[in-house]
Amino acid sequence: MTKTIWINLPVEDVNKSKEFFTKIGFTPNTQYGANEDSASFIVGENGLIIMLFKKSVYESFAGTSVSEKSSGAEVLLSIDAESAEDVDEIAKKVIEAGGSIYGQPGYKDGWMYGCGFIDLDGQRWNILYMDLNKMPLG
């Protein structure tokens, strides 16, 4: 059976992307991807692994070209936050690190607080805090 899931992402500049994700709080994983064409991060308490690969390397093992992110998105990567304040802090770090916000931080349905951001390579991310005490039943 599977042990974990790794998310592999293509990037134009591994060093710039490594710096971006470190600045927003991802933990560098030097066990993997510690060379010029890749980088690795551990995200969250469950140890999800994010791998960043230079676009040409990614395409070589994916067996296809990278899709055009400026005209659409195939995946929305979501990460949970511990509080609404944590969402705000991560959003601030995203801007400072060179990313952009496509969905301003705010509440949805009275129990979810989140925002959406775009990393340096056009990947879309969602940061979400869910107040389960206010979540409707059913």
Protein backbone atom coordinates (compact mmCIF):
# COMPACT_ATOMS: atom_id res chain seq x y z
CA MET A 1 0.00 0.00 0.00
CA THR A 2 1.11 3.57 -0.48
CA LYS A 3 2.99 5.37 2.28
CA THR A 4 2.79 9.02 1.27
CA ILE A 5 1.97 11.31 -1.62
CA TRP A 6 4.49 13.52 -3.35
CA ILE A 7 3.43 16.51 -5.40
CA ASN A 8 5.77 17.24 -8.30
CA LEU A 9 5.73 20.73 -9.81
CA PRO A 10 7.59 22.17 -12.80
CA VAL A 11 9.46 25.45 -12.23
CA GLU A 12 11.46 27.78 -14.45
CA ASP A 13 14.11 28.68 -11.86
CA VAL A 14 14.69 26.15 -9.08
CA ASN A 15 16.68 28.56 -6.91
CA LYS A 16 14.08 31.33 -7.06
CA SER A 17 11.26 28.87 -6.34
CA LYS A 18 13.23 27.34 -3.47
CA GLU A 19 13.66 30.81 -1.99
CA PHE A 20 9.94 31.60 -2.48
CA PHE A 21 8.66 28.47 -0.73
CA THR A 22 11.18 28.82 2.09
CA LYS A 23 10.04 32.42 2.67
CA ILE A 24 6.38 31.41 2.93
CA GLY A 25 7.19 28.79 5.55
CA PHE A 26 7.70 25.45 3.80
CA THR A 27 10.45 23.30 5.36
CA PRO A 28 13.35 22.44 3.02
CA ASN A 29 13.86 18.69 2.68
CA THR A 30 17.55 18.13 1.97
CA GLN A 31 17.08 14.35 1.79
CA TYR A 32 15.71 14.76 -1.75
CA GLY A 33 16.14 17.29 -4.50
CA ALA A 34 19.31 18.90 -3.23
CA ASN A 35 20.80 19.70 -6.64
CA GLU A 36 20.56 22.42 -9.29
CA ASP A 37 17.55 21.00 -11.16
CA SER A 38 15.31 20.14 -8.20
CA ALA A 39 14.28 21.04 -4.67
CA SER A 40 12.14 19.38 -2.05
CA PHE A 41 9.98 20.58 0.83
CA ILE A 42 8.07 18.97 3.67
CA VAL A 43 4.70 20.59 4.26
CA GLY A 44 2.51 20.18 7.33
CA GLU A 45 2.37 17.76 10.22
CA ASN A 46 1.75 14.73 7.99
CA GLY A 47 4.95 15.31 6.03
CA LEU A 48 3.55 15.90 2.55
CA ILE A 49 6.45 16.21 0.14
CA ILE A 50 6.52 18.87 -2.56
CA MET A 51 9.13 18.36 -5.27
CA LEU A 52 10.13 21.19 -7.57
CA PHE A 53 11.79 20.25 -10.84
CA LYS A 54 13.28 22.37 -13.57
CA LYS A 55 10.66 22.40 -16.33
CA SER A 56 12.73 20.30 -18.77
CA VAL A 57 13.41 17.64 -16.12
CA TYR A 58 9.72 17.56 -15.15
CA GLU A 59 8.67 17.14 -18.78
CA SER A 60 11.17 14.31 -19.29
CA PHE A 61 9.66 12.09 -16.59
CA ALA A 62 6.05 13.29 -17.02
CA GLY A 63 6.20 12.25 -20.66
CA THR A 64 4.47 15.43 -21.82
CA SER A 65 4.86 19.18 -21.97
CA VAL A 66 3.76 21.53 -19.22
CA SER A 67 0.34 23.10 -19.84
CA GLU A 68 -0.12 26.84 -20.23
CA LYS A 69 -1.00 28.18 -16.77
CA SER A 70 -1.82 31.72 -17.90
CA SER A 71 -5.07 30.59 -19.53
CA GLY A 72 -6.28 28.09 -16.94
CA ALA A 73 -5.48 25.82 -14.03
CA GLU A 74 -5.49 22.04 -13.78
CA VAL A 75 -4.84 21.74 -10.06
CA LEU A 76 -5.58 23.86 -7.01
CA LEU A 77 -3.18 22.99 -4.22
CA SER A 78 -4.75 23.60 -0.80
CA ILE A 79 -3.03 23.92 2.53
CA ASP A 80 -4.72 24.35 5.87
CA ALA A 81 -3.88 27.03 8.39
CA GLU A 82 -4.18 27.03 12.16
CA SER A 83 -6.11 30.31 12.31
CA ALA A 84 -7.45 33.22 10.27
CA GLU A 85 -4.42 35.20 11.43
CA ASP A 86 -2.17 32.45 10.05
CA VAL A 87 -3.89 32.81 6.66
CA ASP A 88 -3.22 36.56 6.73
CA GLU A 89 0.42 36.00 7.68
CA ILE A 90 1.03 33.48 4.90
CA ALA A 91 -0.66 35.81 2.38
CA LYS A 92 1.67 38.61 3.49
CA LYS A 93 4.70 36.33 3.09
CA VAL A 94 3.53 35.32 -0.41
CA ILE A 95 3.52 38.96 -1.53
CA GLU A 96 6.89 39.66 0.10
CA ALA A 97 8.37 36.58 -1.62
CA GLY A 98 7.18 37.67 -5.08
CA GLY A 99 3.93 35.74 -5.47
CA SER A 100 0.50 37.22 -6.09
CA ILE A 101 -2.91 36.96 -4.44
CA TYR A 102 -5.87 36.04 -6.68
CA GLY A 103 -8.40 35.72 -3.85
CA GLN A 104 -8.09 38.20 -1.01
CA PRO A 105 -8.24 36.80 2.54
CA GLY A 106 -11.77 36.63 3.88
CA TYR A 107 -14.59 34.51 5.29
CA LYS A 108 -16.82 32.22 3.27
CA ASP A 109 -20.03 30.82 4.70
CA GLY A 110 -19.14 32.15 8.16
CA TRP A 111 -16.81 29.27 9.08
CA MET A 112 -14.07 29.16 6.45
CA TYR A 113 -11.39 31.83 6.15
CA GLY A 114 -8.94 31.68 3.31
CA CYS A 115 -7.23 33.21 0.35
CA GLY A 116 -5.75 32.13 -2.94
CA PHE A 117 -2.26 32.82 -4.25
CA ILE A 118 -0.16 32.16 -7.32
CA ASP A 119 3.46 31.09 -6.95
CA LEU A 120 6.35 32.24 -9.16
CA ASP A 121 5.51 29.65 -11.82
CA GLY A 122 1.76 30.23 -12.07
CA GLN A 123 0.63 27.36 -9.84
CA ARG A 124 -2.52 28.21 -7.86
CA TRP A 125 -2.67 27.60 -4.12
CA ASN A 126 -5.42 27.97 -1.53
CA ILE A 127 -4.77 28.65 2.16
CA LEU A 128 -7.76 27.78 4.31
CA TYR A 129 -8.65 27.91 7.98
CA MET A 130 -11.84 26.04 8.89
CA ASP A 131 -13.55 26.80 12.21
CA LEU A 132 -15.15 23.37 12.68
CA ASN A 133 -17.15 24.64 15.67
CA LYS A 134 -19.10 26.89 13.27
CA MET A 135 -19.34 24.37 10.42
CA PRO A 136 -22.96 23.54 9.56
CA LEU A 137 -23.96 19.93 10.18
CA GLY A 138 -25.14 17.74 7.34
